[in-house]
N, C-alpha and C. Protein backbone atom coordinates (compact mmCIF):
# COMPACT_ATOMS: atom_id res chain seq x y z
N MET A 1 166.82 79.43 90.76
CA MET A 1 166.23 80.51 90.00
C MET A 1 164.86 80.89 90.57
N TYR A 2 164.00 79.88 90.76
CA TYR A 2 162.66 80.13 91.28
C TYR A 2 162.72 80.74 92.68
N ARG A 3 163.55 80.13 93.54
CA ARG A 3 163.64 80.64 94.91
C ARG A 3 164.17 82.07 94.94
N GLN A 4 165.12 82.38 94.07
CA GLN A 4 165.67 83.73 94.00
C GLN A 4 164.59 84.72 93.57
N LEU A 5 163.79 84.34 92.60
CA LEU A 5 162.71 85.20 92.13
C LEU A 5 161.69 85.44 93.24
N VAL A 6 161.32 84.38 93.95
CA VAL A 6 160.37 84.51 95.06
C VAL A 6 160.95 85.44 96.13
N HIS A 7 162.24 85.28 96.41
CA HIS A 7 162.90 86.14 97.41
C HIS A 7 162.85 87.61 96.99
N GLU A 8 163.17 87.87 95.73
CA GLU A 8 163.16 89.25 95.23
C GLU A 8 161.76 89.86 95.28
N ILE A 9 160.77 89.09 94.89
CA ILE A 9 159.40 89.58 94.92
C ILE A 9 158.96 89.84 96.36
N THR A 10 159.33 88.94 97.27
CA THR A 10 158.99 89.12 98.68
C THR A 10 159.62 90.39 99.23
N GLN A 11 160.88 90.64 98.89
CA GLN A 11 161.56 91.85 99.35
C GLN A 11 160.89 93.10 98.78
N THR A 12 160.46 93.04 97.54
CA THR A 12 159.78 94.19 96.92
C THR A 12 158.45 94.46 97.62
N PHE A 13 157.68 93.40 97.89
CA PHE A 13 156.41 93.58 98.61
C PHE A 13 156.65 94.16 100.00
N LYS A 14 157.70 93.70 100.68
CA LYS A 14 158.00 94.22 102.02
C LYS A 14 158.33 95.71 101.95
N LYS A 15 159.12 96.10 100.96
CA LYS A 15 159.48 97.51 100.82
C LYS A 15 158.24 98.36 100.57
N ILE A 16 157.38 97.90 99.67
CA ILE A 16 156.14 98.63 99.38
C ILE A 16 155.26 98.72 100.63
N SER A 17 155.16 97.62 101.35
CA SER A 17 154.36 97.61 102.57
C SER A 17 154.90 98.60 103.60
N ASP A 18 156.21 98.62 103.77
CA ASP A 18 156.82 99.57 104.72
C ASP A 18 156.53 101.02 104.30
N GLU A 19 156.59 101.29 103.01
CA GLU A 19 156.31 102.64 102.52
C GLU A 19 154.85 103.02 102.78
N ILE A 20 153.95 102.08 102.58
CA ILE A 20 152.52 102.37 102.82
C ILE A 20 152.27 102.59 104.31
N ILE A 21 152.92 101.82 105.16
CA ILE A 21 152.78 102.03 106.61
C ILE A 21 153.28 103.42 106.98
N ASP A 22 154.38 103.86 106.36
CA ASP A 22 154.91 105.20 106.61
C ASP A 22 153.89 106.26 106.17
N ILE A 23 153.27 106.06 105.02
CA ILE A 23 152.24 107.01 104.54
C ILE A 23 151.07 107.03 105.51
N GLU A 24 150.66 105.84 105.97
CA GLU A 24 149.55 105.76 106.93
C GLU A 24 149.88 106.56 108.19
N ASN A 25 151.08 106.39 108.70
CA ASN A 25 151.49 107.11 109.92
C ASN A 25 151.51 108.62 109.69
N LYS A 26 151.97 109.05 108.52
CA LYS A 26 152.00 110.49 108.21
C LYS A 26 150.59 111.05 108.08
N LEU A 27 149.68 110.25 107.52
CA LEU A 27 148.29 110.72 107.42
C LEU A 27 147.71 110.97 108.80
N ARG A 28 148.06 110.12 109.76
CA ARG A 28 147.55 110.29 111.13
C ARG A 28 148.21 111.47 111.84
N SER A 29 149.54 111.47 111.83
CA SER A 29 150.26 112.42 112.68
C SER A 29 150.47 113.79 112.04
N GLN A 30 150.88 113.84 110.79
CA GLN A 30 151.23 115.12 110.17
C GLN A 30 150.05 115.82 109.50
N HIS A 31 149.10 115.02 109.00
CA HIS A 31 148.00 115.61 108.23
C HIS A 31 146.66 115.54 108.94
N ASN A 32 146.65 114.93 110.11
CA ASN A 32 145.43 114.83 110.91
C ASN A 32 144.26 114.25 110.10
N LEU A 33 144.55 113.12 109.44
CA LEU A 33 143.53 112.45 108.63
C LEU A 33 143.41 110.99 109.08
N PRO A 34 142.91 110.79 110.31
CA PRO A 34 142.85 109.42 110.83
C PRO A 34 141.91 108.51 110.05
N GLU A 35 140.84 109.06 109.48
CA GLU A 35 139.91 108.22 108.72
C GLU A 35 140.55 107.71 107.42
N VAL A 36 141.31 108.58 106.79
CA VAL A 36 142.01 108.16 105.56
C VAL A 36 143.08 107.13 105.92
N ALA A 37 143.78 107.36 107.02
CA ALA A 37 144.80 106.42 107.49
C ALA A 37 144.16 105.07 107.80
N LYS A 38 142.99 105.09 108.40
CA LYS A 38 142.28 103.85 108.71
C LYS A 38 141.90 103.10 107.43
N PHE A 39 141.49 103.86 106.42
CA PHE A 39 141.15 103.27 105.13
C PHE A 39 142.39 102.62 104.49
N VAL A 40 143.52 103.31 104.54
CA VAL A 40 144.77 102.78 104.00
C VAL A 40 145.15 101.48 104.73
N ALA A 41 144.99 101.48 106.04
CA ALA A 41 145.29 100.28 106.84
C ALA A 41 144.38 99.13 106.45
N LYS A 42 143.12 99.41 106.19
CA LYS A 42 142.17 98.37 105.77
C LYS A 42 142.55 97.80 104.42
N VAL A 43 142.96 98.65 103.50
CA VAL A 43 143.41 98.18 102.18
C VAL A 43 144.63 97.28 102.35
N GLN A 44 145.54 97.67 103.23
CA GLN A 44 146.73 96.85 103.51
C GLN A 44 146.33 95.47 104.02
N GLU A 45 145.37 95.43 104.92
CA GLU A 45 144.91 94.15 105.48
C GLU A 45 144.29 93.28 104.39
N GLU A 46 143.50 93.89 103.51
CA GLU A 46 142.88 93.15 102.42
C GLU A 46 143.93 92.60 101.46
N GLU A 47 144.94 93.40 101.17
CA GLU A 47 146.02 92.94 100.29
C GLU A 47 146.79 91.79 100.94
N LYS A 48 147.01 91.88 102.23
CA LYS A 48 147.70 90.81 102.94
C LYS A 48 146.89 89.51 102.87
N LEU A 49 145.60 89.63 103.07
CA LEU A 49 144.73 88.46 103.00
C LEU A 49 144.74 87.86 101.59
N LYS A 50 144.72 88.72 100.59
CA LYS A 50 144.75 88.24 99.20
C LYS A 50 146.05 87.50 98.92
N LEU A 51 147.17 88.04 99.36
CA LEU A 51 148.46 87.37 99.15
C LEU A 51 148.51 86.03 99.87
N GLU A 52 147.99 85.98 101.09
CA GLU A 52 147.97 84.72 101.83
C GLU A 52 147.09 83.69 101.13
N THR A 53 145.99 84.14 100.57
CA THR A 53 145.09 83.24 99.84
C THR A 53 145.77 82.70 98.59
N VAL A 54 146.45 83.56 97.86
CA VAL A 54 147.16 83.12 96.66
C VAL A 54 148.26 82.14 97.04
N ARG A 55 149.00 82.43 98.11
CA ARG A 55 150.06 81.53 98.56
C ARG A 55 149.49 80.17 98.93
N TYR A 56 148.37 80.16 99.63
CA TYR A 56 147.74 78.90 100.01
C TYR A 56 147.28 78.13 98.78
N ARG A 57 146.67 78.83 97.84
CA ARG A 57 146.18 78.18 96.62
C ARG A 57 147.33 77.58 95.82
N LEU A 58 148.42 78.33 95.68
CA LEU A 58 149.58 77.82 94.95
C LEU A 58 150.17 76.61 95.66
N SER A 59 150.17 76.65 96.97
CA SER A 59 150.67 75.52 97.74
C SER A 59 149.82 74.28 97.49
N CYS A 60 148.50 74.47 97.49
CA CYS A 60 147.59 73.35 97.23
C CYS A 60 147.78 72.81 95.82
N GLU A 61 147.90 73.70 94.86
CA GLU A 61 148.10 73.26 93.48
C GLU A 61 149.41 72.50 93.33
N SER A 62 150.43 72.97 94.02
CA SER A 62 151.73 72.29 93.97
C SER A 62 151.63 70.90 94.57
N ASN A 63 150.90 70.79 95.69
CA ASN A 63 150.73 69.48 96.33
C ASN A 63 149.96 68.53 95.43
N VAL A 64 148.93 69.02 94.78
CA VAL A 64 148.14 68.18 93.88
C VAL A 64 149.00 67.74 92.70
N ALA A 65 149.77 68.66 92.15
CA ALA A 65 150.63 68.33 91.01
C ALA A 65 151.66 67.27 91.40
N SER A 66 152.23 67.40 92.60
CA SER A 66 153.23 66.42 93.02
C SER A 66 152.59 65.06 93.27
N ASP A 67 151.33 65.04 93.69
CA ASP A 67 150.63 63.77 93.89
C ASP A 67 150.46 63.04 92.56
N PHE A 68 150.24 63.80 91.48
CA PHE A 68 150.04 63.16 90.19
C PHE A 68 151.36 62.77 89.53
N GLN A 69 152.45 63.42 89.91
CA GLN A 69 153.73 63.09 89.31
C GLN A 69 154.28 61.77 89.85
N VAL A 70 154.07 61.50 91.10
CA VAL A 70 154.57 60.27 91.71
C VAL A 70 153.41 59.28 91.72
N LYS A 71 153.52 58.29 90.90
CA LYS A 71 152.44 57.29 90.83
C LYS A 71 152.75 56.18 91.80
N LYS A 72 151.91 56.07 92.79
CA LYS A 72 152.07 55.02 93.79
C LYS A 72 151.24 53.82 93.37
N PRO A 73 151.80 52.63 93.55
CA PRO A 73 150.99 51.46 93.20
C PRO A 73 149.81 51.34 94.15
N PRO A 74 148.70 50.85 93.64
CA PRO A 74 147.53 50.70 94.52
C PRO A 74 147.83 49.63 95.57
N PRO A 75 147.19 49.72 96.71
CA PRO A 75 147.41 48.70 97.73
C PRO A 75 146.92 47.35 97.23
N PRO A 76 147.58 46.29 97.67
CA PRO A 76 147.16 44.98 97.19
C PRO A 76 145.74 44.69 97.66
N SER A 77 144.99 44.07 96.77
CA SER A 77 143.61 43.77 97.15
C SER A 77 143.60 42.50 98.00
N LEU A 78 142.90 42.58 99.07
CA LEU A 78 142.79 41.45 99.98
C LEU A 78 141.43 40.80 99.79
N PRO A 79 141.39 39.48 99.82
CA PRO A 79 140.08 38.84 99.67
C PRO A 79 139.20 39.14 100.90
N LEU A 80 137.93 39.32 100.64
CA LEU A 80 137.02 39.58 101.75
C LEU A 80 136.79 38.33 102.58
N PHE A 81 136.80 37.20 101.92
CA PHE A 81 136.59 35.94 102.62
C PHE A 81 137.71 34.97 102.24
N GLN A 82 138.10 34.19 103.18
CA GLN A 82 139.11 33.19 102.90
C GLN A 82 138.44 31.82 102.85
N VAL A 83 138.65 31.11 101.78
CA VAL A 83 138.03 29.80 101.63
C VAL A 83 138.91 28.78 102.35
N ILE A 84 138.30 27.99 103.24
CA ILE A 84 139.04 26.98 104.00
C ILE A 84 138.82 25.61 103.40
């Protein structure tokens, strides 16, 4: 269920991204608005960075959560000195 939802969301983001790239290209070629196209491209880059940051953060949170779910026994304590 979770993987399917992630897949669907990823596909939706890809479709939106492709549409925005198409708009950016039209702004350059058909409307002669390279500065606006550059601005759209910059917004796309910022959104990409934001998504990567969220993905990294979720990954870290997942790793931390899994560390707390599996309780590992502490390593055996070794004496610092051995009495002979």
